[in-house]
PDB file of all heavy atoms in Angstrom:
ATOM      1  N   SER A   1       2.656-203.295  42.750  1.00  0.00           N
ATOM      2  CA  SER A   1       2.500-204.618  42.138  1.00  0.00           C
ATOM      3  C   SER A   1       3.847-205.242  41.762  1.00  0.00           C
ATOM      4  O   SER A   1       3.893-206.193  40.992  1.00  0.00           O
ATOM      5  CB  SER A   1       1.623-204.520  40.884  1.00  0.00           C
ATOM      6  OG  SER A   1       0.303-204.144  41.211  1.00  0.00           O
ATOM      7  N   ALA A   2       4.931-204.709  42.302  1.00  0.00           N
ATOM      8  CA  ALA A   2       6.263-205.151  41.890  1.00  0.00           C
ATOM      9  C   ALA A   2       6.811-206.306  42.717  1.00  0.00           C
ATOM     10  O   ALA A   2       7.875-206.833  42.415  1.00  0.00           O
ATOM     11  CB  ALA A   2       7.237-203.968  41.960  1.00  0.00           C
ATOM     12  N   SER A   3       6.092-206.707  43.744  1.00  0.00           N
ATOM     13  CA  SER A   3       6.613-207.763  44.624  1.00  0.00           C
ATOM     14  C   SER A   3       6.684-209.113  43.913  1.00  0.00           C
ATOM     15  O   SER A   3       5.855-209.432  43.055  1.00  0.00           O
ATOM     16  CB  SER A   3       5.737-207.891  45.868  1.00  0.00           C
ATOM     17  OG  SER A   3       6.166-208.976  46.663  1.00  0.00           O
ATOM     18  N   GLU A   4       7.681-209.903  44.292  1.00  0.00           N
ATOM     19  CA  GLU A   4       7.787-211.268  43.766  1.00  0.00           C
ATOM     20  C   GLU A   4       6.775-212.201  44.420  1.00  0.00           C
ATOM     21  O   GLU A   4       6.473-213.276  43.894  1.00  0.00           O
ATOM     22  CB  GLU A   4       9.195-211.814  44.004  1.00  0.00           C
ATOM     23  CG  GLU A   4      10.272-211.144  43.171  1.00  0.00           C
ATOM     24  CD  GLU A   4      11.630-211.767  43.406  1.00  0.00           C
ATOM     25  OE1 GLU A   4      12.252-211.455  44.437  1.00  0.00           O
ATOM     26  OE2 GLU A   4      12.063-212.573  42.563  1.00  0.00           O
ATOM     27  N   LYS A   5       6.252-211.804  45.573  1.00  0.00           N
ATOM     28  CA  LYS A   5       5.354-212.670  46.321  1.00  0.00           C
ATOM     29  C   LYS A   5       3.910-212.212  46.149  1.00  0.00           C
ATOM     30  O   LYS A   5       3.588-211.037  46.317  1.00  0.00           O
ATOM     31  CB  LYS A   5       5.727-212.658  47.810  1.00  0.00           C
ATOM     32  CG  LYS A   5       7.128-213.199  48.085  1.00  0.00           C
ATOM     33  CD  LYS A   5       7.446-213.155  49.570  1.00  0.00           C
ATOM     34  CE  LYS A   5       8.852-213.698  49.855  1.00  0.00           C
ATOM     35  NZ  LYS A   5       9.176-213.646  51.303  1.00  0.00           N
ATOM     36  N   GLU A   6       3.045-213.139  45.809  1.00  0.00           N
ATOM     37  CA  GLU A   6       1.639-212.819  45.609  1.00  0.00           C
ATOM     38  C   GLU A   6       1.007-212.357  46.910  1.00  0.00           C
ATOM     39  O   GLU A   6       1.255-212.922  47.981  1.00  0.00           O
ATOM     40  CB  GLU A   6       0.896-214.045  45.071  1.00  0.00           C
ATOM     41  CG  GLU A   6      -0.530-213.745  44.655  1.00  0.00           C
ATOM     42  CD  GLU A   6      -1.160-214.869  43.876  1.00  0.00           C
ATOM     43  OE1 GLU A   6      -0.477-215.902  43.661  1.00  0.00           O
ATOM     44  OE2 GLU A   6      -2.327-214.720  43.473  1.00  0.00           O
ATOM     45  N   GLY A   7       0.193-211.303  46.834  1.00  0.00           N
ATOM     46  CA  GLY A   7      -0.502-210.784  47.997  1.00  0.00           C
ATOM     47  C   GLY A   7       0.334-209.866  48.860  1.00  0.00           C
ATOM     48  O   GLY A   7      -0.144-209.374  49.883  1.00  0.00           O
ATOM     49  N   VAL A   8       1.578-209.603  48.459  1.00  0.00           N
ATOM     50  CA  VAL A   8       2.475-208.740  49.233  1.00  0.00           C
ATOM     51  C   VAL A   8       2.636-207.406  48.512  1.00  0.00           C
ATOM     52  O   VAL A   8       2.847-207.362  47.298  1.00  0.00           O
ATOM     53  CB  VAL A   8       3.853-209.402  49.422  1.00  0.00           C
ATOM     54  CG1 VAL A   8       4.810-208.460  50.142  1.00  0.00           C
ATOM     55  CG2 VAL A   8       3.707-210.702  50.191  1.00  0.00           C
ATOM     56  N   HIS A   9       2.512-206.318  49.250  1.00  0.00           N
ATOM     57  CA  HIS A   9       2.650-204.973  48.700  1.00  0.00           C
ATOM     58  C   HIS A   9       4.087-204.750  48.233  1.00  0.00           C
ATOM     59  O   HIS A   9       5.041-204.994  48.952  1.00  0.00           O
ATOM     60  CB  HIS A   9       2.283-203.942  49.772  1.00  0.00           C
ATOM     61  CG  HIS A   9       2.023-202.558  49.249  1.00  0.00           C
ATOM     62  ND1 HIS A   9       3.014-201.742  48.750  1.00  0.00           N
ATOM     63  CD2 HIS A   9       0.865-201.839  49.167  1.00  0.00           C
ATOM     64  CE1 HIS A   9       2.487-200.587  48.392  1.00  0.00           C
ATOM     65  NE2 HIS A   9       1.175-200.628  48.625  1.00  0.00           N
ATOM     66  N   GLY A  10       4.238-204.285  47.000  1.00  0.00           N
ATOM     67  CA  GLY A  10       5.560-204.015  46.459  1.00  0.00           C
ATOM     68  C   GLY A  10       6.219-202.815  47.112  1.00  0.00           C
ATOM     69  O   GLY A  10       5.566-201.961  47.721  1.00  0.00           O
ATOM     70  N   THR A  11       7.530-202.736  46.973  1.00  0.00           N
ATOM     71  CA  THR A  11       8.330-201.655  47.548  1.00  0.00           C
ATOM     72  C   THR A  11       9.239-201.062  46.471  1.00  0.00           C
ATOM     73  O   THR A  11       9.369-201.589  45.368  1.00  0.00           O
ATOM     74  CB  THR A  11       9.198-202.173  48.702  1.00  0.00           C
ATOM     75  OG1 THR A  11      10.189-203.072  48.165  1.00  0.00           O
ATOM     76  CG2 THR A  11       8.361-202.904  49.744  1.00  0.00           C
ATOM     77  N   PHE A  12       9.910-199.967  46.849  1.00  0.00           N
ATOM     78  CA  PHE A  12      10.878-199.388  45.930  1.00  0.00           C
ATOM     79  C   PHE A  12      12.036-200.347  45.665  1.00  0.00           C
ATOM     80  O   PHE A  12      12.618-200.349  44.574  1.00  0.00           O
ATOM     81  CB  PHE A  12      11.399-198.063  46.474  1.00  0.00           C
ATOM     82  CG  PHE A  12      10.356-196.963  46.515  1.00  0.00           C
ATOM     83  CD1 PHE A  12      10.222-196.141  47.622  1.00  0.00           C
ATOM     84  CD2 PHE A  12       9.502-196.755  45.435  1.00  0.00           C
ATOM     85  CE1 PHE A  12       9.277-195.130  47.651  1.00  0.00           C
ATOM     86  CE2 PHE A  12       8.545-195.756  45.455  1.00  0.00           C
ATOM     87  CZ  PHE A  12       8.437-194.939  46.581  1.00  0.00           C
ATOM     88  N   LYS A  13      12.369-201.151  46.650  1.00  0.00           N
ATOM     89  CA  LYS A  13      13.418-202.158  46.448  1.00  0.00           C
ATOM     90  C   LYS A  13      12.992-203.172  45.384  1.00  0.00           C
ATOM     91  O   LYS A  13      13.798-203.609  44.562  1.00  0.00           O
ATOM     92  CB  LYS A  13      13.724-202.873  47.765  1.00  0.00           C
ATOM     93  CG  LYS A  13      14.399-201.994  48.814  1.00  0.00           C
ATOM     94  CD  LYS A  13      15.789-201.554  48.360  1.00  0.00           C
ATOM     95  CE  LYS A  13      16.480-200.732  49.446  1.00  0.00           C
ATOM     96  NZ  LYS A  13      17.797-200.211  48.974  1.00  0.00           N
ATOM     97  N   ASP A  14      11.711-203.539  45.388  1.00  0.00           N
ATOM     98  CA  ASP A  14      11.201-204.421  44.339  1.00  0.00           C
ATOM     99  C   ASP A  14      11.296-203.746  42.974  1.00  0.00           C
ATOM    100  O   ASP A  14      11.607-204.393  41.962  1.00  0.00           O
ATOM    101  CB  ASP A  14       9.746-204.798  44.616  1.00  0.00           C
ATOM    102  CG  ASP A  14       9.592-205.702  45.829  1.00  0.00           C
ATOM    103  OD1 ASP A  14      10.366-206.663  45.945  1.00  0.00           O
ATOM    104  OD2 ASP A  14       8.692-205.442  46.650  1.00  0.00           O
ATOM    105  N   CYS A  15      11.036-202.454  42.943  1.00  0.00           N
ATOM    106  CA  CYS A  15      11.128-201.716  41.677  1.00  0.00           C
ATOM    107  C   CYS A  15      12.555-201.737  41.134  1.00  0.00           C
ATOM    108  O   CYS A  15      12.762-201.836  39.917  1.00  0.00           O
ATOM    109  CB  CYS A  15      10.672-200.271  41.873  1.00  0.00           C
ATOM    110  SG  CYS A  15       8.916-200.088  42.286  1.00  0.00           S
ATOM    111  N   GLU A  16      13.533-201.637  42.018  1.00  0.00           N
ATOM    112  CA  GLU A  16      14.933-201.700  41.578  1.00  0.00           C
ATOM    113  C   GLU A  16      15.207-202.996  40.835  1.00  0.00           C
ATOM    114  O   GLU A  16      15.944-203.021  39.844  1.00  0.00           O
ATOM    115  CB  GLU A  16      15.871-201.576  42.783  1.00  0.00           C
ATOM    116  CG  GLU A  16      15.941-200.188  43.390  1.00  0.00           C
ATOM    117  CD  GLU A  16      16.966-200.113  44.515  1.00  0.00           C
ATOM    118  OE1 GLU A  16      17.886-200.975  44.551  1.00  0.00           O
ATOM    119  OE2 GLU A  16      16.867-199.205  45.362  1.00  0.00           O
ATOM    120  N   ARG A  17      14.591-204.074  41.300  1.00  0.00           N
ATOM    121  CA  ARG A  17      14.798-205.374  40.663  1.00  0.00           C
ATOM    122  C   ARG A  17      14.282-205.382  39.226  1.00  0.00           C
ATOM    123  O   ARG A  17      14.799-206.114  38.365  1.00  0.00           O
ATOM    124  CB  ARG A  17      14.065-206.450  41.482  1.00  0.00           C
ATOM    125  CG  ARG A  17      14.347-207.888  41.033  1.00  0.00           C
ATOM    126  CD  ARG A  17      13.445-208.895  41.735  1.00  0.00           C
ATOM    127  NE  ARG A  17      12.101-208.928  41.159  1.00  0.00           N
ATOM    128  CZ  ARG A  17      11.037-208.392  41.721  1.00  0.00           C
ATOM    129  NH1 ARG A  17      11.129-207.774  42.897  1.00  0.00           N
ATOM    130  NH2 ARG A  17       9.850-208.461  41.126  1.00  0.00           N
ATOM    131  N   LEU A  18      13.270-204.567  38.936  1.00  0.00           N
ATOM    132  CA  LEU A  18      12.646-204.554  37.612  1.00  0.00           C
ATOM    133  C   LEU A  18      13.355-203.640  36.617  1.00  0.00           C
ATOM    134  O   LEU A  18      13.090-203.718  35.414  1.00  0.00           O
ATOM    135  CB  LEU A  18      11.184-204.120  37.731  1.00  0.00           C
ATOM    136  CG  LEU A  18      10.289-205.009  38.599  1.00  0.00           C
ATOM    137  CD1 LEU A  18       8.874-204.442  38.629  1.00  0.00           C
ATOM    138  CD2 LEU A  18      10.278-206.444  38.084  1.00  0.00           C
ATOM    139  N   LEU A  19      14.247-202.796  37.090  1.00  0.00           N
ATOM    140  CA  LEU A  19      14.887-201.827  36.200  1.00  0.00           C
ATOM    141  C   LEU A  19      15.637-202.483  35.041  1.00  0.00           C
ATOM    142  O   LEU A  19      15.513-202.035  33.889  1.00  0.00           O
ATOM    143  CB  LEU A  19      15.812-200.896  36.987  1.00  0.00           C
ATOM    144  CG  LEU A  19      15.125-199.970  37.998  1.00  0.00           C
ATOM    145  CD1 LEU A  19      16.172-199.145  38.740  1.00  0.00           C
ATOM    146  CD2 LEU A  19      14.127-199.048  37.305  1.00  0.00           C
ATOM    147  N   PRO A  20      16.435-203.544  35.278  1.00  0.00           N
ATOM    148  CA  PRO A  20      17.125-204.166  34.139  1.00  0.00           C
ATOM    149  C   PRO A  20      16.159-204.699  33.075  1.00  0.00           C
ATOM    150  O   PRO A  20      16.443-204.614  31.873  1.00  0.00           O
ATOM    151  CB  PRO A  20      17.927-205.301  34.788  1.00  0.00           C
ATOM    152  CG  PRO A  20      18.127-204.866  36.200  1.00  0.00           C
ATOM    153  CD  PRO A  20      16.866-204.134  36.560  1.00  0.00           C
ATOM    154  N   ARG A  21      15.025-205.250  33.512  1.00  0.00           N
ATOM    155  CA  ARG A  21      14.029-205.742  32.549  1.00  0.00           C
ATOM    156  C   ARG A  21      13.530-204.606  31.668  1.00  0.00           C
ATOM    157  O   ARG A  21      13.431-204.748  30.438  1.00  0.00           O
ATOM    158  CB  ARG A  21      12.856-206.372  33.302  1.00  0.00           C
ATOM    159  CG  ARG A  21      11.702-206.814  32.399  1.00  0.00           C
ATOM    160  CD  ARG A  21      10.491-207.245  33.230  1.00  0.00           C
ATOM    161  NE  ARG A  21       9.422-207.777  32.390  1.00  0.00           N
ATOM    162  CZ  ARG A  21       8.465-207.041  31.842  1.00  0.00           C
ATOM    163  NH1 ARG A  21       8.448-205.725  32.033  1.00  0.00           N
ATOM    164  NH2 ARG A  21       7.531-207.610  31.097  1.00  0.00           N
ATOM    165  N   ILE A  22      13.215-203.476  32.278  1.00  0.00           N
ATOM    166  CA  ILE A  22      12.701-202.323  31.537  1.00  0.00           C
ATOM    167  C   ILE A  22      13.776-201.768  30.613  1.00  0.00           C
ATOM    168  O   ILE A  22      13.516-201.430  29.449  1.00  0.00           O
ATOM    169  CB  ILE A  22      12.198-201.255  32.527  1.00  0.00           C
ATOM    170  CG1 ILE A  22      11.025-201.814  33.353  1.00  0.00           C
ATOM    171  CG2 ILE A  22      11.792-199.984  31.805  1.00  0.00           C
ATOM    172  CD1 ILE A  22      10.622-200.949  34.524  1.00  0.00           C
ATOM    173  N   LYS A  23      15.005-201.698  31.108  1.00  0.00           N
ATOM    174  CA  LYS A  23      16.118-201.230  30.288  1.00  0.00           C
ATOM    175  C   LYS A  23      16.333-202.149  29.094  1.00  0.00           C
ATOM    176  O   LYS A  23      16.526-201.680  27.958  1.00  0.00           O
ATOM    177  CB  LYS A  23      17.384-201.168  31.139  1.00  0.00           C
ATOM    178  CG  LYS A  23      18.656-200.842  30.367  1.00  0.00           C
ATOM    179  CD  LYS A  23      18.650-199.421  29.852  1.00  0.00           C
ATOM    180  CE  LYS A  23      19.976-199.066  29.226  1.00  0.00           C
ATOM    181  NZ  LYS A  23      19.974-197.687  28.663  1.00  0.00           N
ATOM    182  N   ASN A  24      16.293-203.445  29.319  1.00  0.00           N
ATOM    183  CA  ASN A  24      16.529-204.409  28.237  1.00  0.00           C
ATOM    184  C   ASN A  24      15.436-204.368  27.173  1.00  0.00           C
ATOM    185  O   ASN A  24      15.670-204.757  26.024  1.00  0.00           O
ATOM    186  CB  ASN A  24      16.658-205.824  28.804  1.00  0.00           C
ATOM    187  CG  ASN A  24      17.934-206.014  29.602  1.00  0.00           C
ATOM    188  OD1 ASN A  24      18.913-205.277  29.414  1.00  0.00           O
ATOM    189  ND2 ASN A  24      17.934-206.979  30.511  1.00  0.00           N
ATOM    190  N   MET A  25      14.259-203.907  27.544  1.00  0.00           N
ATOM    191  CA  MET A  25      13.192-203.761  26.553  1.00  0.00           C
ATOM    192  C   MET A  25      13.320-202.455  25.768  1.00  0.00           C
ATOM    193  O   MET A  25      12.527-202.195  24.857  1.00  0.00           O
ATOM    194  CB  MET A  25      11.824-203.833  27.227  1.00  0.00           C
ATOM    195  CG  MET A  25      11.445-205.234  27.703  1.00  0.00           C
ATOM    196  SD  MET A  25       9.829-205.256  28.534  1.00  0.00           S
ATOM    197  CE  MET A  25       8.724-204.871  27.173  1.00  0.00           C
ATOM    198  N   GLY A  26      14.295-201.627  26.113  1.00  0.00           N
ATOM    199  CA  GLY A  26      14.571-200.432  25.326  1.00  0.00           C
ATOM    200  C   GLY A  26      13.873-199.168  25.776  1.00  0.00           C
ATOM    201  O   GLY A  26      13.854-198.175  25.046  1.00  0.00           O
ATOM    202  N   PHE A  27      13.313-199.169  26.983  1.00  0.00           N
ATOM    203  CA  PHE A  27      12.654-197.969  27.489  1.00  0.00           C
ATOM    204  C   PHE A  27      13.672-197.071  28.192  1.00  0.00           C
ATOM    205  O   PHE A  27      14.694-197.549  28.701  1.00  0.00           O
ATOM    206  CB  PHE A  27      11.519-198.341  28.438  1.00  0.00           C
ATOM    207  CG  PHE A  27      10.399-199.076  27.756  1.00  0.00           C
ATOM    208  CD1 PHE A  27      10.363-200.467  27.718  1.00  0.00           C
ATOM    209  CD2 PHE A  27       9.404-198.375  27.103  1.00  0.00           C
ATOM    210  CE1 PHE A  27       9.345-201.143  27.063  1.00  0.00           C
ATOM    211  CE2 PHE A  27       8.381-199.037  26.435  1.00  0.00           C
ATOM    212  CZ  PHE A  27       8.353-200.422  26.414  1.00  0.00           C
TER     213      PHE A  27
END
């Protein structure tokens, strides 16, 4: 569910994009 595009299967590359968000939330 990490893809920026609706209806598109997320990838590990998409997950990399989310890491700063998770880090900034303190996890």
